[in-house]
Amino acid sequence: MSYEEGMAVRREVLGDAHVDAAIAKTDEFTTDFQDLITRYAWGDIWTRPGLDRKTRSCITLAMLASLQHYDELALHVKAALRNGLTRAEINEVLLQVAVYAGVPTANRAFATAQKTFATLDN
């Protein structure tokens, strides 16, 4: 898939503000990485027909929480809402994380989601 097609999906899922900020921080050192994630993650993976974006968001939330990548989790909580998940569904995903990745991990994930929701409510 082309860079432009991947960028369109990236913008739809993450929002223009996040993508614009990432692009603004891109320099000679990070250009290849930005190209990689745009083409591969957003162009090749997020556009595959086997799963819809809502399901991909559920998986992404669970993986980021389980791997304790909380900054990325906050970003993808917003993306999950943009992709049609409700807060109740995000809650269910994080409850699932508690069972399979541990309560302390889920505790931090819930705190991250709660903080993210608060920023959206204000």
PDB file of N, CA and C in Angstrom:
ATOM      1  N   MET A   1       0.843  -1.174   0.000  1.00  0.00           N
ATOM      2  CA  MET A   1       0.000   0.000   0.000  1.00  0.00           C
ATOM      3  C   MET A   1       0.891   1.241   0.000  1.00  0.00           C
ATOM      4  N   SER A   2       0.402   2.287  -0.577  1.00  0.00           N
ATOM      5  CA  SER A   2       1.209   3.498  -0.683  1.00  0.00           C
ATOM      6  C   SER A   2       1.289   4.238   0.652  1.00  0.00           C
ATOM      7  N   TYR A   3       2.281   5.071   0.744  1.00  0.00           N
ATOM      8  CA  TYR A   3       2.460   5.922   1.914  1.00  0.00           C
ATOM      9  C   TYR A   3       1.223   6.791   2.121  1.00  0.00           C
ATOM     10  N   GLU A   4       0.699   7.346   1.048  1.00  0.00           N
ATOM     11  CA  GLU A   4      -0.464   8.238   1.137  1.00  0.00           C
ATOM     12  C   GLU A   4      -1.687   7.507   1.675  1.00  0.00           C
ATOM     13  N   GLU A   5      -1.904   6.258   1.231  1.00  0.00           N
ATOM     14  CA  GLU A   5      -3.041   5.481   1.722  1.00  0.00           C
ATOM     15  C   GLU A   5      -2.864   5.152   3.203  1.00  0.00           C
ATOM     16  N   GLY A   6      -1.652   4.787   3.588  1.00  0.00           N
ATOM     17  CA  GLY A   6      -1.373   4.527   4.996  1.00  0.00           C
ATOM     18  C   GLY A   6      -1.562   5.769   5.844  1.00  0.00           C
ATOM     19  N   MET A   7      -1.134   6.896   5.327  1.00  0.00           N
ATOM     20  CA  MET A   7      -1.289   8.151   6.056  1.00  0.00           C
ATOM     21  C   MET A   7      -2.762   8.506   6.236  1.00  0.00           C
ATOM     22  N   ALA A   8      -3.573   8.226   5.244  1.00  0.00           N
ATOM     23  CA  ALA A   8      -5.011   8.505   5.356  1.00  0.00           C
ATOM     24  C   ALA A   8      -5.625   7.678   6.490  1.00  0.00           C
ATOM     25  N   VAL A   9      -5.279   6.403   6.561  1.00  0.00           N
ATOM     26  CA  VAL A   9      -5.793   5.543   7.639  1.00  0.00           C
ATOM     27  C   VAL A   9      -5.258   6.012   8.980  1.00  0.00           C
ATOM     28  N   ARG A  10      -3.986   6.331   9.045  1.00  0.00           N
ATOM     29  CA  ARG A  10      -3.374   6.815  10.284  1.00  0.00           C
ATOM     30  C   ARG A  10      -4.110   8.050  10.791  1.00  0.00           C
ATOM     31  N   ARG A  11      -4.428   8.963   9.900  1.00  0.00           N
ATOM     32  CA  ARG A  11      -5.161  10.173  10.289  1.00  0.00           C
ATOM     33  C   ARG A  11      -6.580   9.843  10.754  1.00  0.00           C
ATOM     34  N   GLU A  12      -7.249   8.919  10.068  1.00  0.00           N
ATOM     35  CA  GLU A  12      -8.604   8.536  10.451  1.00  0.00           C
ATOM     36  C   GLU A  12      -8.640   7.902  11.837  1.00  0.00           C
ATOM     37  N   VAL A  13      -7.651   7.083  12.144  1.00  0.00           N
ATOM     38  CA  VAL A  13      -7.636   6.356  13.412  1.00  0.00           C
ATOM     39  C   VAL A  13      -7.093   7.211  14.556  1.00  0.00           C
ATOM     40  N   LEU A  14      -5.987   7.893  14.331  1.00  0.00           N
ATOM     41  CA  LEU A  14      -5.321   8.624  15.406  1.00  0.00           C
ATOM     42  C   LEU A  14      -5.705  10.096  15.479  1.00  0.00           C
ATOM     43  N   GLY A  15      -6.233  10.631  14.406  1.00  0.00           N
ATOM     44  CA  GLY A  15      -6.604  12.041  14.374  1.00  0.00           C
ATOM     45  C   GLY A  15      -5.495  12.907  13.805  1.00  0.00           C
ATOM     46  N   ASP A  16      -5.907  13.986  13.185  1.00  0.00           N
ATOM     47  CA  ASP A  16      -4.952  14.891  12.535  1.00  0.00           C
ATOM     48  C   ASP A  16      -3.957  15.502  13.513  1.00  0.00           C
ATOM     49  N   ALA A  17      -4.417  15.876  14.707  1.00  0.00           N
ATOM     50  CA  ALA A  17      -3.527  16.556  15.655  1.00  0.00           C
ATOM     51  C   ALA A  17      -2.338  15.669  16.023  1.00  0.00           C
ATOM     52  N   HIS A  18      -2.606  14.406  16.316  1.00  0.00           N
ATOM     53  CA  HIS A  18      -1.502  13.503  16.675  1.00  0.00           C
ATOM     54  C   HIS A  18      -0.561  13.288  15.490  1.00  0.00           C
ATOM     55  N   VAL A  19      -1.123  13.030  14.331  1.00  0.00           N
ATOM     56  CA  VAL A  19      -0.295  12.759  13.157  1.00  0.00           C
ATOM     57  C   VAL A  19       0.525  13.987  12.783  1.00  0.00           C
ATOM     58  N   ASP A  20      -0.096  15.148  12.815  1.00  0.00           N
ATOM     59  CA  ASP A  20       0.636  16.378  12.507  1.00  0.00           C
ATOM     60  C   ASP A  20       1.790  16.596  13.484  1.00  0.00           C
ATOM     61  N   ALA A  21       1.564  16.297  14.768  1.00  0.00           N
ATOM     62  CA  ALA A  21       2.627  16.449  15.769  1.00  0.00           C
ATOM     63  C   ALA A  21       3.759  15.460  15.506  1.00  0.00           C
ATOM     64  N   ALA A  22       3.414  14.228  15.150  1.00  0.00           N
ATOM     65  CA  ALA A  22       4.444  13.225  14.848  1.00  0.00           C
ATOM     66  C   ALA A  22       5.261  13.633  13.629  1.00  0.00           C
ATOM     67  N   ILE A  23       4.589  14.140  12.623  1.00  0.00           N
ATOM     68  CA  ILE A  23       5.285  14.579  11.406  1.00  0.00           C
ATOM     69  C   ILE A  23       6.179  15.774  11.707  1.00  0.00           C
ATOM     70  N   ALA A  24       5.683  16.686  12.541  1.00  0.00           N
ATOM     71  CA  ALA A  24       6.469  17.878  12.870  1.00  0.00           C
ATOM     72  C   ALA A  24       7.761  17.514  13.602  1.00  0.00           C
ATOM     73  N   LYS A  25       7.746  16.420  14.349  1.00  0.00           N
ATOM     74  CA  LYS A  25       8.940  15.991  15.093  1.00  0.00           C
ATOM     75  C   LYS A  25       9.882  15.126  14.252  1.00  0.00           C
ATOM     76  N   THR A  26       9.444  14.763  13.058  1.00  0.00           N
ATOM     77  CA  THR A  26      10.260  13.900  12.215  1.00  0.00           C
ATOM     78  C   THR A  26      11.483  14.661  11.719  1.00  0.00           C
ATOM     79  N   ASP A  27      12.612  13.994  11.813  1.00  0.00           N
ATOM     80  CA  ASP A  27      13.848  14.570  11.300  1.00  0.00           C
ATOM     81  C   ASP A  27      14.579  13.494  10.504  1.00  0.00           C
ATOM     82  N   GLU A  28      15.789  13.789  10.110  1.00  0.00           N
ATOM     83  CA  GLU A  28      16.560  12.848   9.295  1.00  0.00           C
ATOM     84  C   GLU A  28      16.701  11.489   9.991  1.00  0.00           C
ATOM     85  N   PHE A  29      16.833  11.501  11.312  1.00  0.00           N
ATOM     86  CA  PHE A  29      17.006  10.270  12.070  1.00  0.00           C
ATOM     87  C   PHE A  29      15.736   9.419  12.110  1.00  0.00           C
ATOM     88  N   THR A  30      14.572  10.049  12.167  1.00  0.00           N
ATOM     89  CA  THR A  30      13.312   9.307  12.346  1.00  0.00           C
ATOM     90  C   THR A  30      12.482   9.150  11.078  1.00  0.00           C
ATOM     91  N   THR A  31      12.928   9.712   9.976  1.00  0.00           N
ATOM     92  CA  THR A  31      12.165   9.649   8.730  1.00  0.00           C
ATOM     93  C   THR A  31      11.859   8.218   8.304  1.00  0.00           C
ATOM     94  N   ASP A  32      12.850   7.364   8.329  1.00  0.00           N
ATOM     95  CA  ASP A  32      12.632   5.978   7.901  1.00  0.00           C
ATOM     96  C   ASP A  32      11.649   5.255   8.811  1.00  0.00           C
ATOM     97  N   PHE A  33      11.713   5.526  10.113  1.00  0.00           N
ATOM     98  CA  PHE A  33      10.780   4.901  11.049  1.00  0.00           C
ATOM     99  C   PHE A  33       9.356   5.373  10.791  1.00  0.00           C
ATOM    100  N   GLN A  34       9.163   6.664  10.595  1.00  0.00           N
ATOM    101  CA  GLN A  34       7.831   7.190  10.300  1.00  0.00           C
ATOM    102  C   GLN A  34       7.274   6.585   9.014  1.00  0.00           C
ATOM    103  N   ASP A  35       8.130   6.439   8.022  1.00  0.00           N
ATOM    104  CA  ASP A  35       7.723   5.806   6.772  1.00  0.00           C
ATOM    105  C   ASP A  35       7.317   4.347   7.020  1.00  0.00           C
ATOM    106  N   LEU A  36       8.109   3.630   7.828  1.00  0.00           N
ATOM    107  CA  LEU A  36       7.824   2.236   8.139  1.00  0.00           C
ATOM    108  C   LEU A  36       6.464   2.076   8.807  1.00  0.00           C
ATOM    109  N   ILE A  37       6.213   2.844   9.861  1.00  0.00           N
ATOM    110  CA  ILE A  37       4.943   2.648  10.567  1.00  0.00           C
ATOM    111  C   ILE A  37       3.755   3.108   9.723  1.00  0.00           C
ATOM    112  N   THR A  38       3.953   4.118   8.908  1.00  0.00           N
ATOM    113  CA  THR A  38       2.854   4.573   8.057  1.00  0.00           C
ATOM    114  C   THR A  38       2.509   3.527   7.003  1.00  0.00           C
ATOM    115  N   ARG A  39       3.515   3.001   6.346  1.00  0.00           N
ATOM    116  CA  ARG A  39       3.274   1.995   5.302  1.00  0.00           C
ATOM    117  C   ARG A  39       2.847   0.651   5.879  1.00  0.00           C
ATOM    118  N   TYR A  40       3.575   0.173   6.885  1.00  0.00           N
ATOM    119  CA  TYR A  40       3.358  -1.184   7.385  1.00  0.00           C
ATOM    120  C   TYR A  40       2.172  -1.267   8.345  1.00  0.00           C
ATOM    121  N   ALA A  41       2.226  -0.520   9.446  1.00  0.00           N
ATOM    122  CA  ALA A  41       1.151  -0.617  10.434  1.00  0.00           C
ATOM    123  C   ALA A  41      -0.166  -0.086   9.871  1.00  0.00           C
ATOM    124  N   TRP A  42      -0.131   1.129   9.348  1.00  0.00           N
ATOM    125  CA  TRP A  42      -1.375   1.771   8.925  1.00  0.00           C
ATOM    126  C   TRP A  42      -1.787   1.384   7.512  1.00  0.00           C
ATOM    127  N   GLY A  43      -0.830   1.178   6.641  1.00  0.00           N
ATOM    128  CA  GLY A  43      -1.156   0.830   5.264  1.00  0.00           C
ATOM    129  C   GLY A  43      -1.419  -0.644   5.051  1.00  0.00           C
ATOM    130  N   ASP A  44      -0.544  -1.494   5.571  1.00  0.00           N
ATOM    131  CA  ASP A  44      -0.663  -2.930   5.306  1.00  0.00           C
ATOM    132  C   ASP A  44      -1.508  -3.678   6.337  1.00  0.00           C
ATOM    133  N   ILE A  45      -1.406  -3.329   7.609  1.00  0.00           N
ATOM    134  CA  ILE A  45      -2.093  -4.099   8.645  1.00  0.00           C
ATOM    135  C   ILE A  45      -3.493  -3.554   8.948  1.00  0.00           C
ATOM    136  N   TRP A  46      -3.609  -2.278   9.242  1.00  0.00           N
ATOM    137  CA  TRP A  46      -4.914  -1.723   9.620  1.00  0.00           C
ATOM    138  C   TRP A  46      -5.919  -1.733   8.462  1.00  0.00           C
ATOM    139  N   THR A  47      -5.487  -1.955   7.243  1.00  0.00           N
ATOM    140  CA  THR A  47      -6.410  -1.970   6.102  1.00  0.00           C
ATOM    141  C   THR A  47      -6.768  -3.381   5.644  1.00  0.00           C
ATOM    142  N   ARG A  48      -6.204  -4.398   6.288  1.00  0.00           N
ATOM    143  CA  ARG A  48      -6.524  -5.769   5.882  1.00  0.00           C
ATOM    144  C   ARG A  48      -8.017  -6.032   6.084  1.00  0.00           C
ATOM    145  N   PRO A  49      -8.628  -6.826   5.223  1.00  0.00           N
ATOM    146  CA  PRO A  49     -10.066  -7.039   5.295  1.00  0.00           C
ATOM    147  C   PRO A  49     -10.520  -8.024   6.390  1.00  0.00           C
ATOM    148  N   GLY A  50      -9.609  -8.748   7.014  1.00  0.00           N
ATOM    149  CA  GLY A  50     -10.001  -9.803   7.949  1.00  0.00           C
ATOM    150  C   GLY A  50     -10.607  -9.331   9.254  1.00  0.00           C
ATOM    151  N   LEU A  51     -10.302  -8.104   9.681  1.00  0.00           N
ATOM    152  CA  LEU A  51     -10.848  -7.542  10.922  1.00  0.00           C
ATOM    153  C   LEU A  51     -11.263  -6.102  10.670  1.00  0.00           C
ATOM    154  N   ASP A  52     -12.344  -5.702  11.316  1.00  0.00           N
ATOM    155  CA  ASP A  52     -12.736  -4.301  11.198  1.00  0.00           C
ATOM    156  C   ASP A  52     -11.913  -3.458  12.177  1.00  0.00           C
ATOM    157  N   ARG A  53     -12.016  -2.158  12.055  1.00  0.00           N
ATOM    158  CA  ARG A  53     -11.202  -1.264  12.886  1.00  0.00           C
ATOM    159  C   ARG A  53     -11.568  -1.367  14.364  1.00  0.00           C
ATOM    160  N   LYS A  54     -12.819  -1.591  14.647  1.00  0.00           N
ATOM    161  CA  LYS A  54     -13.233  -1.724  16.048  1.00  0.00           C
ATOM    162  C   LYS A  54     -12.543  -2.920  16.694  1.00  0.00           C
ATOM    163  N   THR A  55     -12.504  -4.041  15.994  1.00  0.00           N
ATOM    164  CA  THR A  55     -11.837  -5.234  16.510  1.00  0.00           C
ATOM    165  C   THR A  55     -10.341  -4.999  16.623  1.00  0.00           C
ATOM    166  N   ARG A  56      -9.759  -4.362  15.625  1.00  0.00           N
ATOM    167  CA  ARG A  56      -8.330  -4.056  15.689  1.00  0.00           C
ATOM    168  C   ARG A  56      -8.029  -3.156  16.881  1.00  0.00           C
ATOM    169  N   SER A  57      -8.918  -2.226  17.181  1.00  0.00           N
ATOM    170  CA  SER A  57      -8.719  -1.370  18.345  1.00  0.00           C
ATOM    171  C   SER A  57      -8.766  -2.182  19.640  1.00  0.00           C
ATOM    172  N   CYS A  58      -9.687  -3.120  19.746  1.00  0.00           N
ATOM    173  CA  CYS A  58      -9.752  -3.979  20.941  1.00  0.00           C
ATOM    174  C   CYS A  58      -8.434  -4.723  21.140  1.00  0.00           C
ATOM    175  N   ILE A  59      -7.944  -5.305  20.075  1.00  0.00           N
ATOM    176  CA  ILE A  59      -6.691  -6.058  20.146  1.00  0.00           C
ATOM    177  C   ILE A  59      -5.536  -5.126  20.523  1.00  0.00           C
ATOM    178  N   THR A  60      -5.500  -3.971  19.903  1.00  0.00           N
ATOM    179  CA  THR A  60      -4.424  -3.021  20.170  1.00  0.00           C
ATOM    180  C   THR A  60      -4.447  -2.570  21.624  1.00  0.00           C
ATOM    181  N   LEU A  61      -5.624  -2.262  22.157  1.00  0.00           N
ATOM    182  CA  LEU A  61      -5.727  -1.865  23.555  1.00  0.00           C
ATOM    183  C   LEU A  61      -5.216  -2.972  24.475  1.00  0.00           C
ATOM    184  N   ALA A  62      -5.641  -4.193  24.210  1.00  0.00           N
ATOM    185  CA  ALA A  62      -5.225  -5.319  25.053  1.00  0.00           C
ATOM    186  C   ALA A  62      -3.714  -5.531  24.991  1.00  0.00           C
ATOM    187  N   MET A  63      -3.163  -5.450  23.786  1.00  0.00           N
ATOM    188  CA  MET A  63      -1.720  -5.658  23.641  1.00  0.00           C
ATOM    189  C   MET A  63      -0.919  -4.545  24.319  1.00  0.00           C
ATOM    190  N   LEU A  64      -1.298  -3.297  24.093  1.00  0.00           N
ATOM    191  CA  LEU A  64      -0.554  -2.189  24.686  1.00  0.00           C
ATOM    192  C   LEU A  64      -0.643  -2.228  26.206  1.00  0.00           C
ATOM    193  N   ALA A  65      -1.831  -2.527  26.734  1.00  0.00           N
ATOM    194  CA  ALA A  65      -1.977  -2.638  28.192  1.00  0.00           C
ATOM    195  C   ALA A  65      -1.141  -3.790  28.721  1.00  0.00           C
ATOM    196  N   SER A  66      -1.218  -4.938  28.075  1.00  0.00           N
ATOM    197  CA  SER A  66      -0.482  -6.122  28.534  1.00  0.00           C
ATOM    198  C   SER A  66       1.020  -5.909  28.502  1.00  0.00           C
ATOM    199  N   LEU A  67       1.482  -5.172  27.502  1.00  0.00           N
ATOM    200  CA  LEU A  67       2.907  -4.891  27.378  1.00  0.00           C
ATOM    201  C   LEU A  67       3.335  -3.653  28.179  1.00  0.00           C
ATOM    202  N   GLN A  68       2.355  -3.047  28.850  1.00  0.00           N
ATOM    203  CA  GLN A  68       2.592  -1.889  29.716  1.00  0.00           C
ATOM    204  C   GLN A  68       3.147  -0.681  28.966  1.00  0.00           C
ATOM    205  N   HIS A  69       2.629  -0.462  27.777  1.00  0.00           N
ATOM    206  CA  HIS A  69       2.991   0.705  26.967  1.00  0.00           C
ATOM    207  C   HIS A  69       1.897   1.757  27.145  1.00  0.00           C
ATOM    208  N   TYR A  70       1.914   2.423  28.292  1.00  0.00           N
ATOM    209  CA  TYR A  70       0.787   3.258  28.693  1.00  0.00           C
ATOM    210  C   TYR A  70       0.652   4.554  27.898  1.00  0.00           C
ATOM    211  N   ASP A  71       1.743   5.132  27.435  1.00  0.00           N
ATOM    212  CA  ASP A  71       1.620   6.330  26.599  1.00  0.00           C
ATOM    213  C   ASP A  71       0.898   5.991  25.297  1.00  0.00           C
ATOM    214  N   GLU A  72       1.297   4.901  24.681  1.00  0.00           N
ATOM    215  CA  GLU A  72       0.628   4.454  23.458  1.00  0.00           C
ATOM    216  C   GLU A  72      -0.813   4.032  23.757  1.00  0.00           C
ATOM    217  N   LEU A  73      -1.038   3.442  24.938  1.00  0.00           N
ATOM    218  CA  LEU A  73      -2.397   3.047  25.324  1.00  0.00           C
ATOM    219  C   LEU A  73      -3.312   4.262  25.357  1.00  0.00           C
ATOM    220  N   ALA A  74      -2.853   5.341  25.952  1.00  0.00           N
ATOM    221  CA  ALA A  74      -3.669   6.563  26.012  1.00  0.00           C
ATOM    222  C   ALA A  74      -4.044   7.026  24.601  1.00  0.00           C
ATOM    223  N   LEU A  75      -3.090   7.013  23.712  1.00  0.00           N
ATOM    224  CA  LEU A  75      -3.350   7.392  22.321  1.00  0.00           C
ATOM    225  C   LEU A  75      -4.404   6.474  21.702  1.00  0.00           C
ATOM    226  N   HIS A  76      -4.286   5.184  21.964  1.00  0.00           N
ATOM    227  CA  HIS A  76      -5.201   4.232  21.340  1.00  0.00           C
ATOM    228  C   HIS A  76      -6.548   4.138  22.047  1.00  0.00           C
ATOM    229  N   VAL A  77      -6.657   4.636  23.265  1.00  0.00           N
ATOM    230  CA  VAL A  77      -7.986   4.779  23.884  1.00  0.00           C
ATOM    231  C   VAL A  77      -8.778   5.792  23.068  1.00  0.00           C
ATOM    232  N   LYS A  78      -8.148   6.899  22.737  1.00  0.00           N
ATOM    233  CA  LYS A  78      -8.809   7.908  21.891  1.00  0.00           C
ATOM    234  C   LYS A  78      -9.144   7.324  20.519  1.00  0.00           C
ATOM    235  N   ALA A  79      -8.200   6.577  19.955  1.00  0.00           N
ATOM    236  CA  ALA A  79      -8.433   5.959  18.647  1.00  0.00           C
ATOM    237  C   ALA A  79      -9.583   4.958  18.708  1.00  0.00           C
ATOM    238  N   ALA A  80      -9.651   4.196  19.791  1.00  0.00           N
ATOM    239  CA  ALA A  80     -10.729   3.207  19.943  1.00  0.00           C
ATOM    240  C   ALA A  80     -12.093   3.896  19.961  1.00  0.00           C
ATOM    241  N   LEU A  81     -12.186   5.004  20.655  1.00  0.00           N
ATOM    242  CA  LEU A  81     -13.442   5.763  20.654  1.00  0.00           C
ATOM    243  C   LEU A  81     -13.764   6.243  19.242  1.00  0.00           C
ATOM    244  N   ARG A  82     -12.747   6.712  18.535  1.00  0.00           N
ATOM    245  CA  ARG A  82     -12.922   7.175  17.155  1.00  0.00           C
ATOM    246  C   ARG A  82     -13.358   6.017  16.254  1.00  0.00           C
ATOM    247  N   ASN A  83     -12.916   4.800  16.596  1.00  0.00           N
ATOM    248  CA  ASN A  83     -13.251   3.617  15.798  1.00  0.00           C
ATOM    249  C   ASN A  83     -14.559   2.966  16.228  1.00  0.00           C
ATOM    250  N   GLY A  84     -15.288   3.593  17.135  1.00  0.00           N
ATOM    251  CA  GLY A  84     -16.624   3.116  17.470  1.00  0.00           C
ATOM    252  C   GLY A  84     -16.772   2.352  18.767  1.00  0.00           C
ATOM    253  N   LEU A  85     -15.684   2.141  19.512  1.00  0.00           N
ATOM    254  CA  LEU A  85     -15.823   1.489  20.804  1.00  0.00           C
ATOM    255  C   LEU A  85     -16.441   2.460  21.797  1.00  0.00           C
ATOM    256  N   THR A  86     -17.220   1.928  22.698  1.00  0.00           N
ATOM    257  CA  THR A  86     -17.754   2.733  23.789  1.00  0.00           C
ATOM    258  C   THR A  86     -16.808   2.627  24.979  1.00  0.00           C
ATOM    259  N   ARG A  87     -17.003   3.487  25.933  1.00  0.00           N
ATOM    260  CA  ARG A  87     -16.205   3.398  27.154  1.00  0.00           C
ATOM    261  C   ARG A  87     -16.472   2.071  27.861  1.00  0.00           C
ATOM    262  N   ALA A  88     -17.704   1.609  27.802  1.00  0.00           N
ATOM    263  CA  ALA A  88     -18.034   0.322  28.416  1.00  0.00           C
ATOM    264  C   ALA A  88     -17.289  -0.825  27.737  1.00  0.00           C
ATOM    265  N   GLU A  89     -17.142  -0.757  26.432  1.00  0.00           N
ATOM    266  CA  GLU A  89     -16.395  -1.803  25.720  1.00  0.00           C
ATOM    267  C   GLU A  89     -14.901  -1.734  26.045  1.00  0.00           C
ATOM    268  N   ILE A  90     -14.371  -0.532  26.178  1.00  0.00           N
ATOM    269  CA  ILE A  90     -12.970  -0.385  26.584  1.00  0.00           C
ATOM    270  C   ILE A  90     -12.783  -0.968  27.979  1.00  0.00           C
ATOM    271  N   ASN A  91     -13.732  -0.730  28.850  1.00  0.00           N
ATOM    272  CA  ASN A  91     -13.717  -1.313  30.191  1.00  0.00           C
ATOM    273  C   ASN A  91     -13.641  -2.832  30.110  1.00  0.00           C
ATOM    274  N   GLU A  92     -14.428  -3.430  29.242  1.00  0.00           N
ATOM    275  CA  GLU A  92     -14.422  -4.889  29.080  1.00  0.00           C
ATOM    276  C   GLU A  92     -13.072  -5.400  28.591  1.00  0.00           C
ATOM    277  N   VAL A  93     -12.480  -4.685  27.654  1.00  0.00           N
ATOM    278  CA  VAL A  93     -11.152  -5.074  27.162  1.00  0.00           C
ATOM    279  C   VAL A  93     -10.158  -5.072  28.313  1.00  0.00           C
ATOM    280  N   LEU A  94     -10.185  -4.027  29.134  1.00  0.00           N
ATOM    281  CA  LEU A  94      -9.227  -3.928  30.233  1.00  0.00           C
ATOM    282  C   LEU A  94      -9.507  -4.937  31.335  1.00  0.00           C
ATOM    283  N   LEU A  95     -10.758  -5.316  31.530  1.00  0.00           N
ATOM    284  CA  LEU A  95     -11.067  -6.406  32.467  1.00  0.00           C
ATOM    285  C   LEU A  95     -10.460  -7.716  31.969  1.00  0.00           C
ATOM    286  N   GLN A  96     -10.521  -7.929  30.667  1.00  0.00           N
ATOM    287  CA  GLN A  96      -9.916  -9.118  30.060  1.00  0.00           C
ATOM    288  C   GLN A  96      -8.402  -9.109  30.292  1.00  0.00           C
ATOM    289  N   VAL A  97      -7.808  -7.936  30.176  1.00  0.00           N
ATOM    290  CA  VAL A  97      -6.376  -7.791  30.434  1.00  0.00           C
ATOM    291  C   VAL A  97      -6.052  -8.198  31.872  1.00  0.00           C
ATOM    292  N   ALA A  98      -6.904  -7.825  32.815  1.00  0.00           N
ATOM    293  CA  ALA A  98      -6.656  -8.158  34.225  1.00  0.00           C
ATOM    294  C   ALA A  98      -6.522  -9.661  34.418  1.00  0.00           C
ATOM    295  N   VAL A  99      -7.359 -10.425  33.728  1.00  0.00           N
ATOM    296  CA  VAL A  99      -7.328 -11.880  33.873  1.00  0.00           C
ATOM    297  C   VAL A  99      -6.075 -12.476  33.256  1.00  0.00           C
ATOM    298  N   TYR A 100      -5.689 -12.002  32.091  1.00  0.00           N
ATOM    299  CA  TYR A 100      -4.610 -12.642  31.348  1.00  0.00           C
ATOM    300  C   TYR A 100      -3.238 -11.988  31.498  1.00  0.00           C
ATOM    301  N   ALA A 101      -3.201 -10.712  31.875  1.00  0.00           N
ATOM    302  CA  ALA A 101      -1.910 -10.033  32.014  1.00  0.00           C
ATOM    303  C   ALA A 101      -1.647  -9.594  33.448  1.00  0.00           C
ATOM    304  N   GLY A 102      -2.631  -9.715  34.307  1.00  0.00           N
ATOM    305  CA  GLY A 102      -2.444  -9.407  35.715  1.00  0.00           C
ATOM    306  C   GLY A 102      -3.147  -8.141  36.161  1.00  0.00           C
ATOM    307  N   VAL A 103      -3.566  -8.188  37.416  1.00  0.00           N
ATOM    308  CA  VAL A 103      -4.294  -7.065  38.003  1.00  0.00           C
ATOM    309  C   VAL A 103      -3.445  -5.795  38.064  1.00  0.00           C
ATOM    310  N   PRO A 104      -2.171  -5.848  38.471  1.00  0.00           N
ATOM    311  CA  PRO A 104      -1.403  -4.599  38.494  1.00  0.00           C
ATOM    312  C   PRO A 104      -1.295  -3.937  37.119  1.00  0.00           C
ATOM    313  N   THR A 105      -1.139  -4.730  36.088  1.00  0.00           N
ATOM    314  CA  THR A 105      -1.083  -4.194  34.730  1.00  0.00           C
ATOM    315  C   THR A 105      -2.406  -3.544  34.351  1.00  0.00           C
ATOM    316  N   ALA A 106      -3.496  -4.234  34.639  1.00  0.00           N
ATOM    317  CA  ALA A 106      -4.814  -3.677  34.330  1.00  0.00           C
ATOM    318  C   ALA A 106      -5.109  -2.445  35.175  1.00  0.00           C
ATOM    319  N   ASN A 107      -4.652  -2.439  36.412  1.00  0.00           N
ATOM    320  CA  ASN A 107      -4.859  -1.287  37.285  1.00  0.00           C
ATOM    321  C   ASN A 107      -4.265  -0.037  36.657  1.00  0.00           C
ATOM    322  N   ARG A 108      -3.066  -0.152  36.165  1.00  0.00           N
ATOM    323  CA  ARG A 108      -2.415   0.993  35.511  1.00  0.00           C
ATOM    324  C   ARG A 108      -3.113   1.338  34.195  1.00  0.00           C
ATOM    325  N   ALA A 109      -3.565   0.318  33.475  1.00  0.00           N
ATOM    326  CA  ALA A 109      -4.286   0.562  32.212  1.00  0.00           C
ATOM    327  C   ALA A 109      -5.604   1.288  32.474  1.00  0.00           C
ATOM    328  N   PHE A 110      -6.322   0.877  33.509  1.00  0.00           N
ATOM    329  CA  PHE A 110      -7.562   1.575  33.867  1.00  0.00           C
ATOM    330  C   PHE A 110      -7.277   3.024  34.235  1.00  0.00           C
ATOM    331  N   ALA A 111      -6.209   3.259  34.990  1.00  0.00           N
ATOM    332  CA  ALA A 111      -5.850   4.626  35.356  1.00  0.00           C
ATOM    333  C   ALA A 111      -5.517   5.455  34.122  1.00  0.00           C
ATOM    334  N   THR A 112      -4.819   4.845  33.183  1.00  0.00           N
ATOM    335  CA  THR A 112      -4.476   5.540  31.935  1.00  0.00           C
ATOM    336  C   THR A 112      -5.731   5.884  31.149  1.00  0.00           C
ATOM    337  N   ALA A 113      -6.636   4.924  31.015  1.00  0.00           N
ATOM    338  CA  ALA A 113      -7.886   5.174  30.288  1.00  0.00           C
ATOM    339  C   ALA A 113      -8.719   6.235  31.002  1.00  0.00           C
ATOM    340  N   GLN A 114      -8.795   6.146  32.316  1.00  0.00           N
ATOM    341  CA  GLN A 114      -9.567   7.117  33.092  1.00  0.00           C
ATOM    342  C   GLN A 114      -9.019   8.535  32.892  1.00  0.00           C
ATOM    343  N   LYS A 115      -7.711   8.670  32.928  1.00  0.00           N
ATOM    344  CA  LYS A 115      -7.082   9.975  32.710  1.00  0.00           C
ATOM    345  C   LYS A 115      -7.356  10.463  31.285  1.00  0.00           C
ATOM    346  N   THR A 116      -7.304   9.566  30.334  1.00  0.00           N
ATOM    347  CA  THR A 116      -7.578   9.931  28.935  1.00  0.00           C
ATOM    348  C   THR A 116      -9.022  10.393  28.784  1.00  0.00           C
ATOM    349  N   PHE A 117      -9.960   9.677  29.384  1.00  0.00           N
ATOM    350  CA  PHE A 117     -11.368  10.079  29.321  1.00  0.00           C
ATOM    351  C   PHE A 117     -11.544  11.469  29.941  1.00  0.00           C
ATOM    352  N   ALA A 118     -10.863  11.724  31.050  1.00  0.00           N
ATOM    353  CA  ALA A 118     -10.981  13.017  31.715  1.00  0.00           C
ATOM    354  C   ALA A 118     -10.514  14.141  30.802  1.00  0.00           C
ATOM    355  N   THR A 119      -9.447  13.913  30.055  1.00  0.00           N
ATOM    356  CA  THR A 119      -8.975  14.962  29.148  1.00  0.00           C
ATOM    357  C   THR A 119      -9.984  15.206  28.024  1.00  0.00           C
ATOM    358  N   LEU A 120     -10.707  14.178  27.643  1.00  0.00           N
ATOM    359  CA  LEU A 120     -11.708  14.340  26.588  1.00  0.00           C
ATOM    360  C   LEU A 120     -12.975  15.010  27.105  1.00  0.00           C
ATOM    361  N   ASP A 121     -13.248  14.845  28.385  1.00  0.00           N
ATOM    362  CA  ASP A 121     -14.464  15.409  28.982  1.00  0.00           C
ATOM    363  C   ASP A 121     -14.325  16.893  29.315  1.00  0.00           C
ATOM    364  N   ASN A 122     -13.096  17.360  29.368  1.00  0.00           N
ATOM    365  CA  ASN A 122     -12.877  18.780  29.742  1.00  0.00           C
ATOM    366  C   ASN A 122     -12.735  19.655  28.543  1.00  0.00           C
TER     367      ASN A 122
END
